[in-house]
Amino acid sequence: MTSEQNQNALHGITLEAIVTALEAHYGWEKLGQLIAIRCFQSEPSVKSSLKFLRKTPWAREKVEALYLRTKLR
C-alpha cells in the first residue's frame, strides 16, 4: 500500500457507501440543501446520484468532503 493511500481517509470506501450513508443521516431534502446539485434535489436516488457524481469531479469532491466532515465512518 502506498503512503498516499495510507493518508487518504476515503481509501476503501465506495462512492455508493458514501452516498447511502449521507442519505441515511441527512435525508435527500437536507442533503440537497447542503450540496445544491440537482441529483439531490429533483427525484433523488442513489443510482442517479452515483451516475452524476462519477461524471462530475467537483460535485464528487463536495460529497466526499461532507462525508468526512460528518464523520459517518
C-alpha atoms as a PDB file:
ATOM      1  CA  MET A   1       0.000   0.000   0.000  1.00  0.00           C
ATOM      2  CA  THR A   2       1.408   3.411  -0.878  1.00  0.00           C
ATOM      3  CA  SER A   3       1.756   6.223   1.624  1.00  0.00           C
ATOM      4  CA  GLU A   4      -0.753   8.241  -0.417  1.00  0.00           C
ATOM      5  CA  GLN A   5      -3.393   5.574   0.197  1.00  0.00           C
ATOM      6  CA  ASN A   6      -2.486   5.439   3.900  1.00  0.00           C
ATOM      7  CA  GLN A   7      -3.274   9.136   4.207  1.00  0.00           C
ATOM      8  CA  ASN A   8      -6.472   9.029   2.136  1.00  0.00           C
ATOM      9  CA  ALA A   9      -9.308   8.934   4.677  1.00  0.00           C
ATOM     10  CA  LEU A  10     -11.659   7.610   1.993  1.00  0.00           C
ATOM     11  CA  HIS A  11      -9.483   4.691   0.932  1.00  0.00           C
ATOM     12  CA  GLY A  12     -11.613   1.555   0.714  1.00  0.00           C
ATOM     13  CA  ILE A  13     -14.937   3.386   0.946  1.00  0.00           C
ATOM     14  CA  THR A  14     -17.059   3.248  -2.189  1.00  0.00           C
ATOM     15  CA  LEU A  15     -18.926   6.230  -3.550  1.00  0.00           C
ATOM     16  CA  GLU A  16     -22.133   4.231  -3.175  1.00  0.00           C
ATOM     17  CA  ALA A  17     -21.409   3.714   0.530  1.00  0.00           C
ATOM     18  CA  ILE A  18     -20.765   7.440   0.953  1.00  0.00           C
ATOM     19  CA  VAL A  19     -23.990   8.498  -0.773  1.00  0.00           C
ATOM     20  CA  THR A  20     -26.021   5.870   1.067  1.00  0.00           C
ATOM     21  CA  ALA A  21     -24.611   6.919   4.457  1.00  0.00           C
ATOM     22  CA  LEU A  22     -25.200  10.616   3.796  1.00  0.00           C
ATOM     23  CA  GLU A  23     -28.769   9.982   2.639  1.00  0.00           C
ATOM     24  CA  ALA A  24     -29.484   7.866   5.720  1.00  0.00           C
ATOM     25  CA  HIS A  25     -28.023  10.542   8.007  1.00  0.00           C
ATOM     26  CA  TYR A  26     -29.434  13.702   6.413  1.00  0.00           C
ATOM     27  CA  GLY A  27     -32.218  12.588   4.054  1.00  0.00           C
ATOM     28  CA  TRP A  28     -32.465  13.812   0.461  1.00  0.00           C
ATOM     29  CA  GLU A  29     -34.021  17.182   1.297  1.00  0.00           C
ATOM     30  CA  LYS A  30     -31.299  18.251   3.728  1.00  0.00           C
ATOM     31  CA  LEU A  31     -28.594  16.770   1.504  1.00  0.00           C
ATOM     32  CA  GLY A  32     -29.926  18.885  -1.387  1.00  0.00           C
ATOM     33  CA  GLN A  33     -29.711  21.961   0.831  1.00  0.00           C
ATOM     34  CA  LEU A  34     -26.169  21.214   1.969  1.00  0.00           C
ATOM     35  CA  ILE A  35     -24.928  20.424  -1.539  1.00  0.00           C
ATOM     36  CA  ALA A  36     -27.008  22.215  -4.145  1.00  0.00           C
ATOM     37  CA  ILE A  37     -26.887  19.741  -7.003  1.00  0.00           C
ATOM     38  CA  ARG A  38     -29.926  18.588  -8.943  1.00  0.00           C
ATOM     39  CA  CYS A  39     -29.361  14.867  -8.364  1.00  0.00           C
ATOM     40  CA  PHE A  40     -30.087  15.506  -4.656  1.00  0.00           C
ATOM     41  CA  GLN A  41     -32.974  17.919  -5.237  1.00  0.00           C
ATOM     42  CA  SER A  42     -35.070  16.582  -8.117  1.00  0.00           C
ATOM     43  CA  GLU A  43     -36.286  12.973  -7.873  1.00  0.00           C
ATOM     44  CA  PRO A  44     -33.189  11.831  -5.952  1.00  0.00           C
ATOM     45  CA  SER A  45     -31.994   8.255  -5.824  1.00  0.00           C
ATOM     46  CA  VAL A  46     -28.695   6.569  -5.074  1.00  0.00           C
ATOM     47  CA  LYS A  47     -28.465   5.295  -8.662  1.00  0.00           C
ATOM     48  CA  SER A  48     -28.992   8.708 -10.306  1.00  0.00           C
ATOM     49  CA  SER A  49     -26.662  10.384  -7.823  1.00  0.00           C
ATOM     50  CA  LEU A  50     -23.883   7.888  -8.492  1.00  0.00           C
ATOM     51  CA  LYS A  51     -24.245   8.346 -12.247  1.00  0.00           C
ATOM     52  CA  PHE A  52     -23.895  12.130 -11.897  1.00  0.00           C
ATOM     53  CA  LEU A  53     -21.133  12.097  -9.285  1.00  0.00           C
ATOM     54  CA  ARG A  54     -18.963   9.684 -11.270  1.00  0.00           C
ATOM     55  CA  LYS A  55     -19.030  12.092 -14.221  1.00  0.00           C
ATOM     56  CA  THR A  56     -18.644  15.322 -12.226  1.00  0.00           C
ATOM     57  CA  PRO A  57     -15.442  15.613 -10.179  1.00  0.00           C
ATOM     58  CA  TRP A  58     -16.301  18.924  -8.482  1.00  0.00           C
ATOM     59  CA  ALA A  59     -19.604  17.527  -7.180  1.00  0.00           C
ATOM     60  CA  ARG A  60     -17.959  14.307  -6.017  1.00  0.00           C
ATOM     61  CA  GLU A  61     -15.371  16.346  -4.100  1.00  0.00           C
ATOM     62  CA  LYS A  62     -18.166  18.208  -2.288  1.00  0.00           C
ATOM     63  CA  VAL A  63     -19.912  14.952  -1.373  1.00  0.00           C
ATOM     64  CA  GLU A  64     -16.685  13.370  -0.139  1.00  0.00           C
ATOM     65  CA  ALA A  65     -15.833  16.485   1.904  1.00  0.00           C
ATOM     66  CA  LEU A  66     -19.284  16.460   3.526  1.00  0.00           C
ATOM     67  CA  TYR A  67     -18.853  12.772   4.347  1.00  0.00           C
ATOM     68  CA  LEU A  68     -15.518  13.455   6.028  1.00  0.00           C
ATOM     69  CA  ARG A  69     -16.926  16.432   7.974  1.00  0.00           C
ATOM     70  CA  THR A  70     -19.931  14.404   9.078  1.00  0.00           C
ATOM     71  CA  LYS A  71     -17.711  11.584  10.419  1.00  0.00           C
ATOM     72  CA  LEU A  72     -20.026   8.739   9.486  1.00  0.00           C
ATOM     73  CA  ARG A  73     -17.124   6.313   9.231  1.00  0.00           C
END
